Amino acid sequence: MSSYLAQEVHLARRHEEILSQRSELLQQMETYLGDKKTKKTWQTQAADAAHKRNAALLNDIEAAEKKLQERVHLHPHPNTVKLETLYWASVKESLPKWEEFLLGRAEVPIGFKKMKTAKQNISYPEDSQK
């Protein structure tokens, strides 16, 4: 009989330990799930804030790009206009000289060097002693 009583006490203690462990694990699980939910909420809020910030930055960049393009196309710098005008005048002036060359009917216009295709003769000091 004492053996049954000792076994009963042992089983009761073991039952209490199991219930205590179960309670502790349930508490840990609730804490973990709560932390996980909080973290997910925080990440969602951070992602939303980043998306809004990126959209605002993109809008600012596009607006700045549009302003720069309008400024460049509508009001070029006076020096740029002057250089462009001089360039096209120079092209119109030299076009007749180059036209015959480009059509293969004439040599390179005067004032421009023709590239030599032949190998240049190079003299070395040893060659002159021989």
N, C-alpha and C. Protein backbone atom coordinates (compact mmCIF):
# COMPACT_ATOMS: atom_id res chain seq x y z
N MET A 1 0.81 -1.18 0.00
CA MET A 1 0.00 0.00 0.00
C MET A 1 0.86 1.26 0.00
N SER A 2 1.94 1.22 0.76
CA SER A 2 2.81 2.38 0.78
C SER A 2 3.46 2.58 -0.59
N SER A 3 3.64 1.51 -1.30
CA SER A 3 4.22 1.62 -2.62
C SER A 3 3.24 2.36 -3.55
N TYR A 4 1.94 2.08 -3.41
CA TYR A 4 0.95 2.79 -4.22
C TYR A 4 0.89 4.26 -3.83
N LEU A 5 0.99 4.52 -2.55
CA LEU A 5 0.95 5.90 -2.06
C LEU A 5 2.18 6.68 -2.56
N ALA A 6 3.35 6.07 -2.51
CA ALA A 6 4.58 6.72 -2.98
C ALA A 6 4.49 6.97 -4.48
N GLN A 7 3.94 6.00 -5.20
CA GLN A 7 3.79 6.15 -6.65
C GLN A 7 2.78 7.25 -6.95
N GLU A 8 1.71 7.33 -6.18
CA GLU A 8 0.69 8.36 -6.35
C GLU A 8 1.29 9.75 -6.11
N VAL A 9 2.11 9.90 -5.07
CA VAL A 9 2.75 11.18 -4.76
C VAL A 9 3.72 11.56 -5.88
N HIS A 10 4.48 10.57 -6.33
CA HIS A 10 5.43 10.82 -7.43
C HIS A 10 4.69 11.28 -8.69
N LEU A 11 3.61 10.60 -9.03
CA LEU A 11 2.84 10.97 -10.22
C LEU A 11 2.20 12.35 -10.05
N ALA A 12 1.75 12.69 -8.86
CA ALA A 12 1.15 14.00 -8.61
C ALA A 12 2.20 15.10 -8.80
N ARG A 13 3.43 14.87 -8.28
CA ARG A 13 4.51 15.86 -8.46
C ARG A 13 4.87 16.00 -9.94
N ARG A 14 4.95 14.85 -10.59
CA ARG A 14 5.28 14.89 -12.03
C ARG A 14 4.19 15.63 -12.80
N HIS A 15 2.94 15.41 -12.43
CA HIS A 15 1.81 16.10 -13.06
C HIS A 15 1.93 17.61 -12.84
N GLU A 16 2.29 18.03 -11.65
CA GLU A 16 2.46 19.45 -11.34
C GLU A 16 3.61 20.05 -12.17
N GLU A 17 4.70 19.31 -12.30
CA GLU A 17 5.84 19.78 -13.10
C GLU A 17 5.43 19.96 -14.56
N ILE A 18 4.70 18.98 -15.07
CA ILE A 18 4.24 19.05 -16.48
C ILE A 18 3.32 20.24 -16.66
N LEU A 19 2.38 20.45 -15.73
CA LEU A 19 1.47 21.60 -15.82
C LEU A 19 2.24 22.91 -15.73
N SER A 20 3.26 22.97 -14.90
CA SER A 20 4.09 24.17 -14.76
C SER A 20 4.85 24.45 -16.06
N GLN A 21 5.45 23.39 -16.64
CA GLN A 21 6.17 23.54 -17.91
C GLN A 21 5.22 23.97 -19.02
N ARG A 22 4.03 23.39 -19.03
CA ARG A 22 3.02 23.73 -20.04
C ARG A 22 2.65 25.20 -19.92
N SER A 23 2.42 25.65 -18.70
CA SER A 23 2.06 27.05 -18.47
C SER A 23 3.19 27.98 -18.92
N GLU A 24 4.42 27.60 -18.60
CA GLU A 24 5.57 28.40 -18.98
C GLU A 24 5.72 28.46 -20.50
N LEU A 25 5.55 27.34 -21.17
CA LEU A 25 5.65 27.30 -22.63
C LEU A 25 4.54 28.11 -23.29
N LEU A 26 3.32 28.03 -22.74
CA LEU A 26 2.22 28.83 -23.28
C LEU A 26 2.51 30.32 -23.13
N GLN A 27 3.07 30.70 -22.02
CA GLN A 27 3.43 32.11 -21.79
C GLN A 27 4.51 32.56 -22.77
N GLN A 28 5.53 31.72 -22.99
CA GLN A 28 6.59 32.04 -23.94
C GLN A 28 6.03 32.16 -25.35
N MET A 29 5.11 31.26 -25.70
CA MET A 29 4.51 31.29 -27.03
C MET A 29 3.69 32.57 -27.22
N GLU A 30 2.93 32.97 -26.21
CA GLU A 30 2.14 34.19 -26.30
C GLU A 30 3.06 35.41 -26.44
N THR A 31 4.14 35.42 -25.69
CA THR A 31 5.10 36.53 -25.78
C THR A 31 5.74 36.57 -27.16
N TYR A 32 6.14 35.41 -27.67
CA TYR A 32 6.76 35.32 -28.99
C TYR A 32 5.80 35.81 -30.07
N LEU A 33 4.56 35.35 -30.04
CA LEU A 33 3.59 35.75 -31.05
C LEU A 33 3.28 37.24 -30.94
N GLY A 34 3.21 37.76 -29.71
CA GLY A 34 2.98 39.20 -29.53
C GLY A 34 4.14 40.01 -30.09
N ASP A 35 5.37 39.57 -29.81
CA ASP A 35 6.55 40.26 -30.34
C ASP A 35 6.58 40.19 -31.86
N LYS A 36 6.21 39.03 -32.38
CA LYS A 36 6.21 38.85 -33.84
C LYS A 36 5.18 39.78 -34.48
N LYS A 37 4.01 39.89 -33.87
CA LYS A 37 2.95 40.76 -34.41
C LYS A 37 3.39 42.22 -34.33
N THR A 38 4.01 42.60 -33.22
CA THR A 38 4.51 43.97 -33.07
C THR A 38 5.58 44.27 -34.11
N LYS A 39 6.49 43.32 -34.30
CA LYS A 39 7.56 43.51 -35.29
C LYS A 39 6.98 43.64 -36.69
N LYS A 40 5.99 42.83 -37.01
CA LYS A 40 5.38 42.90 -38.33
C LYS A 40 4.68 44.24 -38.53
N THR A 41 4.00 44.72 -37.51
CA THR A 41 3.34 46.02 -37.59
C THR A 41 4.37 47.13 -37.80
N TRP A 42 5.46 47.05 -37.04
CA TRP A 42 6.52 48.06 -37.17
C TRP A 42 7.13 48.03 -38.57
N GLN A 43 7.38 46.83 -39.10
CA GLN A 43 7.95 46.71 -40.45
C GLN A 43 6.99 47.25 -41.50
N THR A 44 5.71 46.99 -41.33
CA THR A 44 4.72 47.50 -42.29
C THR A 44 4.70 49.02 -42.26
N GLN A 45 4.73 49.60 -41.06
CA GLN A 45 4.74 51.06 -40.95
C GLN A 45 6.01 51.65 -41.55
N ALA A 46 7.15 50.99 -41.30
CA ALA A 46 8.42 51.47 -41.85
C ALA A 46 8.41 51.38 -43.38
N ALA A 47 7.87 50.31 -43.92
CA ALA A 47 7.79 50.14 -45.37
C ALA A 47 6.88 51.20 -45.98
N ASP A 48 5.75 51.47 -45.34
CA ASP A 48 4.84 52.51 -45.83
C ASP A 48 5.51 53.88 -45.82
N ALA A 49 6.21 54.18 -44.72
CA ALA A 49 6.91 55.46 -44.63
C ALA A 49 7.99 55.58 -45.70
N ALA A 50 8.73 54.49 -45.92
CA ALA A 50 9.78 54.50 -46.95
C ALA A 50 9.17 54.67 -48.34
N HIS A 51 8.06 54.03 -48.58
CA HIS A 51 7.39 54.15 -49.88
C HIS A 51 6.95 55.60 -50.12
N LYS A 52 6.36 56.22 -49.09
CA LYS A 52 5.93 57.62 -49.22
C LYS A 52 7.13 58.54 -49.43
N ARG A 53 8.21 58.30 -48.68
CA ARG A 53 9.42 59.11 -48.82
C ARG A 53 10.01 58.96 -50.22
N ASN A 54 10.08 57.72 -50.71
CA ASN A 54 10.63 57.48 -52.05
C ASN A 54 9.77 58.12 -53.13
N ALA A 55 8.45 58.05 -52.97
CA ALA A 55 7.55 58.67 -53.95
C ALA A 55 7.74 60.19 -53.95
N ALA A 56 7.89 60.78 -52.77
CA ALA A 56 8.10 62.23 -52.69
C ALA A 56 9.43 62.61 -53.32
N LEU A 57 10.49 61.84 -53.05
CA LEU A 57 11.80 62.11 -53.65
C LEU A 57 11.75 61.98 -55.17
N LEU A 58 11.06 60.96 -55.65
CA LEU A 58 10.94 60.76 -57.09
C LEU A 58 10.21 61.94 -57.74
N ASN A 59 9.14 62.40 -57.09
CA ASN A 59 8.41 63.56 -57.61
C ASN A 59 9.31 64.80 -57.64
N ASP A 60 10.09 65.00 -56.58
CA ASP A 60 11.00 66.15 -56.53
C ASP A 60 12.05 66.07 -57.63
N ILE A 61 12.60 64.89 -57.84
CA ILE A 61 13.62 64.71 -58.88
C ILE A 61 13.02 64.96 -60.26
N GLU A 62 11.83 64.42 -60.50
CA GLU A 62 11.19 64.63 -61.80
C GLU A 62 10.88 66.10 -62.03
N ALA A 63 10.42 66.80 -60.98
CA ALA A 63 10.13 68.23 -61.12
C ALA A 63 11.41 69.01 -61.41
N ALA A 64 12.50 68.68 -60.71
CA ALA A 64 13.78 69.36 -60.95
C ALA A 64 14.28 69.08 -62.36
N GLU A 65 14.15 67.84 -62.81
CA GLU A 65 14.58 67.48 -64.16
C GLU A 65 13.77 68.26 -65.21
N LYS A 66 12.48 68.36 -64.98
CA LYS A 66 11.62 69.10 -65.92
C LYS A 66 12.02 70.57 -65.97
N LYS A 67 12.28 71.17 -64.80
CA LYS A 67 12.70 72.58 -64.77
C LYS A 67 14.02 72.77 -65.51
N LEU A 68 14.97 71.85 -65.29
CA LEU A 68 16.25 71.97 -65.97
C LEU A 68 16.11 71.84 -67.48
N GLN A 69 15.29 70.90 -67.92
CA GLN A 69 15.09 70.72 -69.36
C GLN A 69 14.43 71.94 -69.97
N GLU A 70 13.46 72.51 -69.27
CA GLU A 70 12.80 73.71 -69.78
C GLU A 70 13.79 74.86 -69.86
N ARG A 71 14.63 75.00 -68.84
CA ARG A 71 15.61 76.07 -68.82
C ARG A 71 16.62 75.93 -69.93
N VAL A 72 17.07 74.71 -70.18
CA VAL A 72 18.07 74.48 -71.22
C VAL A 72 17.48 74.72 -72.61
N HIS A 73 16.27 74.21 -72.83
CA HIS A 73 15.67 74.31 -74.17
C HIS A 73 15.09 75.69 -74.46
N LEU A 74 14.58 76.35 -73.49
CA LEU A 74 13.94 77.63 -73.73
C LEU A 74 14.92 78.79 -73.69
N HIS A 75 15.89 78.74 -72.83
CA HIS A 75 16.80 79.87 -72.67
C HIS A 75 18.25 79.39 -72.65
N PRO A 76 18.80 79.04 -73.83
CA PRO A 76 20.20 78.63 -73.83
C PRO A 76 21.10 79.82 -73.50
N HIS A 77 22.25 79.53 -72.97
CA HIS A 77 23.21 80.57 -72.60
C HIS A 77 23.63 81.34 -73.85
N PRO A 78 23.81 82.66 -73.74
CA PRO A 78 24.19 83.46 -74.93
C PRO A 78 25.49 82.98 -75.58
N ASN A 79 26.45 82.54 -74.78
CA ASN A 79 27.70 82.03 -75.37
C ASN A 79 27.44 80.77 -76.19
N THR A 80 26.51 79.93 -75.71
CA THR A 80 26.17 78.72 -76.45
C THR A 80 25.55 79.07 -77.80
N VAL A 81 24.65 80.04 -77.79
CA VAL A 81 24.00 80.47 -79.04
C VAL A 81 25.04 81.03 -80.00
N LYS A 82 25.97 81.83 -79.47
CA LYS A 82 27.00 82.43 -80.31
C LYS A 82 27.90 81.36 -80.92
N LEU A 83 28.33 80.39 -80.08
CA LEU A 83 29.17 79.31 -80.60
C LEU A 83 28.45 78.47 -81.64
N GLU A 84 27.20 78.21 -81.40
CA GLU A 84 26.42 77.41 -82.36
C GLU A 84 26.29 78.15 -83.69
N THR A 85 26.04 79.42 -83.63
CA THR A 85 25.92 80.22 -84.86
C THR A 85 27.24 80.24 -85.62
N LEU A 86 28.34 80.45 -84.90
CA LEU A 86 29.65 80.46 -85.55
C LEU A 86 29.99 79.09 -86.15
N TYR A 87 29.62 78.03 -85.44
CA TYR A 87 29.88 76.67 -85.94
C TYR A 87 29.16 76.43 -87.26
N TRP A 88 27.87 76.75 -87.32
CA TRP A 88 27.12 76.49 -88.54
C TRP A 88 27.57 77.40 -89.68
N ALA A 89 27.99 78.61 -89.36
CA ALA A 89 28.53 79.50 -90.40
C ALA A 89 29.82 78.90 -90.96
N SER A 90 30.65 78.36 -90.08
CA SER A 90 31.90 77.73 -90.52
C SER A 90 31.62 76.51 -91.38
N VAL A 91 30.64 75.72 -90.99
CA VAL A 91 30.28 74.54 -91.78
C VAL A 91 29.79 74.96 -93.16
N LYS A 92 28.93 75.96 -93.23
CA LYS A 92 28.41 76.42 -94.52
C LYS A 92 29.53 76.98 -95.40
N GLU A 93 30.49 77.64 -94.76
CA GLU A 93 31.60 78.23 -95.50
C GLU A 93 32.55 77.17 -96.06
N SER A 94 32.82 76.12 -95.27
CA SER A 94 33.79 75.12 -95.72
C SER A 94 33.14 73.95 -96.47
N LEU A 95 31.85 73.89 -96.52
CA LEU A 95 31.18 72.78 -97.20
C LEU A 95 31.56 72.66 -98.67
N PRO A 96 31.59 73.74 -99.45
CA PRO A 96 31.98 73.58 -100.86
C PRO A 96 33.39 73.02 -101.02
N LYS A 97 34.31 73.36 -100.13
CA LYS A 97 35.68 72.85 -100.22
C LYS A 97 35.71 71.33 -100.01
N TRP A 98 34.92 70.86 -99.09
CA TRP A 98 34.93 69.44 -98.72
C TRP A 98 34.01 68.60 -99.62
N GLU A 99 33.06 69.23 -100.25
CA GLU A 99 32.08 68.48 -101.03
C GLU A 99 32.74 67.65 -102.13
N GLU A 100 33.65 68.24 -102.89
CA GLU A 100 34.32 67.52 -103.96
C GLU A 100 35.18 66.38 -103.40
N PHE A 101 35.86 66.62 -102.26
CA PHE A 101 36.67 65.57 -101.64
C PHE A 101 35.79 64.42 -101.17
N LEU A 102 34.68 64.73 -100.54
CA LEU A 102 33.79 63.70 -100.03
C LEU A 102 33.15 62.89 -101.16
N LEU A 103 32.99 63.51 -102.31
CA LEU A 103 32.45 62.78 -103.46
C LEU A 103 33.54 62.01 -104.19
N GLY A 104 34.81 62.17 -103.78
CA GLY A 104 35.91 61.42 -104.38
C GLY A 104 36.46 62.06 -105.63
N ARG A 105 36.15 63.31 -105.89
CA ARG A 105 36.58 63.97 -107.12
C ARG A 105 37.81 64.86 -106.94
N ALA A 106 38.23 65.09 -105.68
CA ALA A 106 39.34 66.02 -105.46
C ALA A 106 40.17 65.55 -104.27
N GLU A 107 41.33 66.20 -104.12
CA GLU A 107 42.22 65.93 -102.98
C GLU A 107 41.68 66.65 -101.74
N VAL A 108 42.38 66.39 -100.62
CA VAL A 108 42.01 67.06 -99.36
C VAL A 108 42.17 68.56 -99.55
N PRO A 109 41.21 69.35 -99.07
CA PRO A 109 41.31 70.81 -99.24
C PRO A 109 42.59 71.37 -98.63
N ILE A 110 43.03 72.51 -99.20
CA ILE A 110 44.26 73.16 -98.74
C ILE A 110 44.07 73.57 -97.27
N GLY A 111 45.13 73.40 -96.51
CA GLY A 111 45.08 73.77 -95.10
C GLY A 111 44.85 72.57 -94.20
N PHE A 112 44.62 71.41 -94.78
CA PHE A 112 44.42 70.19 -94.01
C PHE A 112 45.46 69.18 -94.45
N LYS A 113 46.12 68.56 -93.50
CA LYS A 113 47.16 67.58 -93.81
C LYS A 113 46.54 66.25 -94.16
N LYS A 114 47.12 65.62 -95.19
CA LYS A 114 46.68 64.29 -95.58
C LYS A 114 47.46 63.28 -94.75
N MET A 115 46.79 62.27 -94.22
CA MET A 115 47.44 61.26 -93.40
C MET A 115 48.31 60.39 -94.32
N LYS A 116 49.56 60.19 -93.95
CA LYS A 116 50.46 59.35 -94.75
C LYS A 116 50.17 57.90 -94.43
N THR A 117 50.00 57.10 -95.48
CA THR A 117 49.77 55.68 -95.29
C THR A 117 51.07 54.89 -95.39
N ALA A 118 52.09 55.48 -96.02
CA ALA A 118 53.37 54.78 -96.18
C ALA A 118 54.15 54.86 -94.87
N LYS A 119 55.00 53.86 -94.67
CA LYS A 119 55.83 53.80 -93.47
C LYS A 119 56.90 54.88 -93.57
N GLN A 120 57.05 55.66 -92.49
CA GLN A 120 58.05 56.73 -92.50
C GLN A 120 59.44 56.13 -92.33
N ASN A 121 60.42 56.76 -92.99
CA ASN A 121 61.80 56.32 -92.85
C ASN A 121 62.37 56.91 -91.57
N ILE A 122 62.87 56.04 -90.72
CA ILE A 122 63.43 56.49 -89.46
C ILE A 122 64.92 56.19 -89.53
N SER A 123 65.73 57.22 -89.29
CA SER A 123 67.18 57.00 -89.32
C SER A 123 67.70 56.91 -87.90
N TYR A 124 68.56 55.92 -87.72
CA TYR A 124 69.16 55.70 -86.42
C TYR A 124 70.63 56.10 -86.48
N PRO A 125 71.19 56.50 -85.37
CA PRO A 125 72.61 56.89 -85.39
C PRO A 125 73.52 55.76 -85.87
N GLU A 126 73.22 54.50 -85.62
CA GLU A 126 74.07 53.41 -86.05
C GLU A 126 74.09 53.29 -87.56
N ASP A 127 72.94 53.63 -88.24
CA ASP A 127 72.87 53.53 -89.70
C ASP A 127 73.80 54.52 -90.36
N SER A 128 73.96 55.67 -89.77
CA SER A 128 74.80 56.68 -90.42
C SER A 128 76.27 56.32 -90.28
N GLN A 129 76.68 55.49 -89.33
CA GLN A 129 78.08 55.11 -89.16
C GLN A 129 78.48 54.02 -90.13
N LYS A 130 77.57 53.27 -90.71
CA LYS A 130 77.91 52.16 -91.60
C LYS A 130 78.37 52.59 -92.92
